[in-house]
C-alpha atoms as a PDB file:
ATOM      1  CA  UNK A   1      75.927 164.457  43.995  1.00  0.00           C
ATOM      2  CA  UNK A   2      74.090 166.147  41.214  1.00  0.00           C
ATOM      3  CA  UNK A   3      73.089 169.567  40.468  1.00  0.00           C
ATOM      4  CA  UNK A   4      69.467 169.137  40.354  1.00  0.00           C
ATOM      5  CA  UNK A   5      67.530 170.290  42.988  1.00  0.00           C
ATOM      6  CA  UNK A   6      65.217 167.427  44.200  1.00  0.00           C
ATOM      7  CA  UNK A   7      62.376 169.756  45.558  1.00  0.00           C
ATOM      8  CA  UNK A   8      61.872 171.268  41.820  1.00  0.00           C
ATOM      9  CA  UNK A   9      62.222 168.500  40.504  1.00  0.00           C
ATOM     10  CA  UNK A  10      59.202 167.102  42.420  1.00  0.00           C
ATOM     11  CA  UNK A  11      57.129 170.417  41.685  1.00  0.00           C
ATOM     12  CA  UNK A  12      57.839 169.862  38.169  1.00  0.00           C
ATOM     13  CA  UNK A  13      57.011 166.168  38.153  1.00  0.00           C
ATOM     14  CA  UNK A  14      53.459 167.083  39.988  1.00  0.00           C
ATOM     15  CA  UNK A  15      52.506 170.142  38.020  1.00  0.00           C
ATOM     16  CA  UNK A  16      52.817 167.772  34.521  1.00  0.00           C
ATOM     17  CA  UNK A  17      51.306 164.918  36.330  1.00  0.00           C
ATOM     18  CA  UNK A  18      48.141 167.164  36.961  1.00  0.00           C
ATOM     19  CA  UNK A  19      47.923 168.777  33.643  1.00  0.00           C
ATOM     20  CA  UNK A  20      48.351 165.054  32.471  1.00  0.00           C
ATOM     21  CA  UNK A  21      45.792 162.825  34.558  1.00  0.00           C
ATOM     22  CA  UNK A  22      44.662 159.876  32.963  1.00  0.00           C
ATOM     23  CA  UNK A  23      41.030 159.091  32.395  1.00  0.00           C
ATOM     24  CA  UNK A  24      40.427 155.578  33.651  1.00  0.00           C
ATOM     25  CA  UNK A  25      36.792 155.752  33.012  1.00  0.00           C
ATOM     26  CA  UNK A  26      35.178 155.239  29.756  1.00  0.00           C
ATOM     27  CA  UNK A  27      31.999 156.779  28.461  1.00  0.00           C
ATOM     28  CA  UNK A  28      29.807 155.083  26.406  1.00  0.00           C
ATOM     29  CA  UNK A  29      27.212 156.096  23.755  1.00  0.00           C
ATOM     30  CA  UNK A  30      24.407 156.152  26.767  1.00  0.00           C
ATOM     31  CA  UNK A  31      26.294 158.454  28.946  1.00  0.00           C
ATOM     32  CA  UNK A  32      27.007 155.732  31.505  1.00  0.00           C
ATOM     33  CA  UNK A  33      30.682 155.879  32.752  1.00  0.00           C
ATOM     34  CA  UNK A  34      32.212 152.556  33.512  1.00  0.00           C
ATOM     35  CA  UNK A  35      35.685 153.008  35.412  1.00  0.00           C
ATOM     36  CA  UNK A  36      38.304 149.618  35.089  1.00  0.00           C
ATOM     37  CA  UNK A  37      38.099 148.035  38.071  1.00  0.00           C
ATOM     38  CA  UNK A  38      34.522 147.130  37.684  1.00  0.00           C
ATOM     39  CA  UNK A  39      35.103 146.002  34.089  1.00  0.00           C
ATOM     40  CA  UNK A  40      37.861 143.918  35.561  1.00  0.00           C
ATOM     41  CA  UNK A  41      35.548 142.742  38.131  1.00  0.00           C
ATOM     42  CA  UNK A  42      32.897 141.786  35.427  1.00  0.00           C
ATOM     43  CA  UNK A  43      35.580 139.927  33.171  1.00  0.00           C
ATOM     44  CA  UNK A  44      37.154 138.123  36.410  1.00  0.00           C
ATOM     45  CA  UNK A  45      33.264 136.948  37.576  1.00  0.00           C
ATOM     46  CA  UNK A  46      32.464 135.949  34.364  1.00  0.00           C
ATOM     47  CA  UNK A  47      35.628 134.007  33.759  1.00  0.00           C
ATOM     48  CA  UNK A  48      34.506 132.385  37.223  1.00  0.00           C
ATOM     49  CA  UNK A  49      30.616 131.761  35.814  1.00  0.00           C
ATOM     50  CA  UNK A  50      32.262 129.934  32.659  1.00  0.00           C
ATOM     51  CA  UNK A  51      34.345 127.924  34.863  1.00  0.00           C
ATOM     52  CA  UNK A  52      31.307 126.855  36.908  1.00  0.00           C
ATOM     53  CA  UNK A  53      29.441 126.037  33.981  1.00  0.00           C
ATOM     54  CA  UNK A  54      32.231 123.762  32.571  1.00  0.00           C
ATOM     55  CA  UNK A  55      32.707 122.332  35.735  1.00  0.00           C
ATOM     56  CA  UNK A  56      28.947 121.766  36.133  1.00  0.00           C
ATOM     57  CA  UNK A  57      28.521 120.085  32.692  1.00  0.00           C
ATOM     58  CA  UNK A  58      31.689 117.785  33.443  1.00  0.00           C
ATOM     59  CA  UNK A  59      29.757 116.341  36.397  1.00  0.00           C
ATOM     60  CA  UNK A  60      26.956 116.003  34.971  1.00  0.00           C
ATOM     61  CA  UNK A  61      28.024 113.996  31.959  1.00  0.00           C
ATOM     62  CA  UNK A  62      30.030 111.581  34.443  1.00  0.00           C
ATOM     63  CA  UNK A  63      27.153 110.817  36.558  1.00  0.00           C
ATOM     64  CA  UNK A  64      25.020 110.090  33.067  1.00  0.00           C
ATOM     65  CA  UNK A  65      22.938 112.841  32.335  1.00  0.00           C
ATOM     66  CA  UNK A  66      21.766 111.968  28.778  1.00  0.00           C
ATOM     67  CA  UNK A  67      21.031 115.606  28.246  1.00  0.00           C
ATOM     68  CA  UNK A  68      25.075 116.409  28.081  1.00  0.00           C
ATOM     69  CA  UNK A  69      26.910 115.301  25.129  1.00  0.00           C
ATOM     70  CA  UNK A  70      30.581 114.922  25.404  1.00  0.00           C
ATOM     71  CA  UNK A  71      31.824 117.475  22.535  1.00  0.00           C
ATOM     72  CA  UNK A  72      29.734 120.330  24.231  1.00  0.00           C
ATOM     73  CA  UNK A  73      31.492 119.401  27.867  1.00  0.00           C
ATOM     74  CA  UNK A  74      34.811 119.673  25.704  1.00  0.00           C
ATOM     75  CA  UNK A  75      33.542 123.123  24.087  1.00  0.00           C
ATOM     76  CA  UNK A  76      33.114 124.437  27.214  1.00  0.00           C
ATOM     77  CA  UNK A  77      36.090 123.228  29.018  1.00  0.00           C
ATOM     78  CA  UNK A  78      37.846 124.713  26.412  1.00  0.00           C
ATOM     79  CA  UNK A  79      36.263 128.220  26.559  1.00  0.00           C
ATOM     80  CA  UNK A  80      36.839 127.987  30.145  1.00  0.00           C
ATOM     81  CA  UNK A  81      40.645 127.218  29.724  1.00  0.00           C
ATOM     82  CA  UNK A  82      41.028 130.027  27.106  1.00  0.00           C
ATOM     83  CA  UNK A  83      39.329 132.468  29.101  1.00  0.00           C
ATOM     84  CA  UNK A  84      41.175 131.935  32.307  1.00  0.00           C
ATOM     85  CA  UNK A  85      44.446 132.185  30.409  1.00  0.00           C
ATOM     86  CA  UNK A  86      43.512 135.784  29.281  1.00  0.00           C
ATOM     87  CA  UNK A  87      42.960 136.880  32.823  1.00  0.00           C
ATOM     88  CA  UNK A  88      46.021 135.416  33.594  1.00  0.00           C
ATOM     89  CA  UNK A  89      47.651 137.044  31.012  1.00  0.00           C
ATOM     90  CA  UNK A  90      45.942 140.774  31.609  1.00  0.00           C
ATOM     91  CA  UNK A  91      47.019 140.053  35.764  1.00  0.00           C
ATOM     92  CA  UNK A  92      50.517 139.715  34.445  1.00  0.00           C
ATOM     93  CA  UNK A  93      50.153 142.645  32.036  1.00  0.00           C
ATOM     94  CA  UNK A  94      49.357 144.722  35.223  1.00  0.00           C
ATOM     95  CA  UNK A  95      52.129 143.302  37.535  1.00  0.00           C
ATOM     96  CA  UNK A  96      54.880 143.894  34.804  1.00  0.00           C
ATOM     97  CA  UNK A  97      53.509 147.632  34.418  1.00  0.00           C
ATOM     98  CA  UNK A  98      53.213 148.185  38.385  1.00  0.00           C
ATOM     99  CA  UNK A  99      56.790 146.728  38.658  1.00  0.00           C
ATOM    100  CA  UNK A 100      57.746 149.144  35.932  1.00  0.00           C
ATOM    101  CA  UNK A 101      55.995 152.240  37.512  1.00  0.00           C
ATOM    102  CA  UNK A 102      58.137 151.179  41.075  1.00  0.00           C
ATOM    103  CA  UNK A 103      61.513 151.221  39.628  1.00  0.00           C
ATOM    104  CA  UNK A 104      61.123 154.432  38.189  1.00  0.00           C
ATOM    105  CA  UNK A 105      63.399 156.741  39.926  1.00  0.00           C
ATOM    106  CA  UNK A 106      61.349 159.696  41.767  1.00  0.00           C
END
């Protein structure tokens, strides 16, 4: 067994963590405070809107709508794919960070 006393170690960790509380809120120039979860939700909503718009454009093009050009459909579909890939990478990084924290010895 180790000579380290668990309770003393935990109290030291707690005191250090209370001093280094992470600030997950972002202040803007107009003193508006935004937290991480609202930024993430807004980003996911924008990706969803982008995918819905590209899907709608594709459907309209397939139905023969003359106001929708193929190049616009392709560009919007590519934008939706890239934005989805970006959100997926953020999710993967969050999962990796969570797994790293869970592997930390207490």
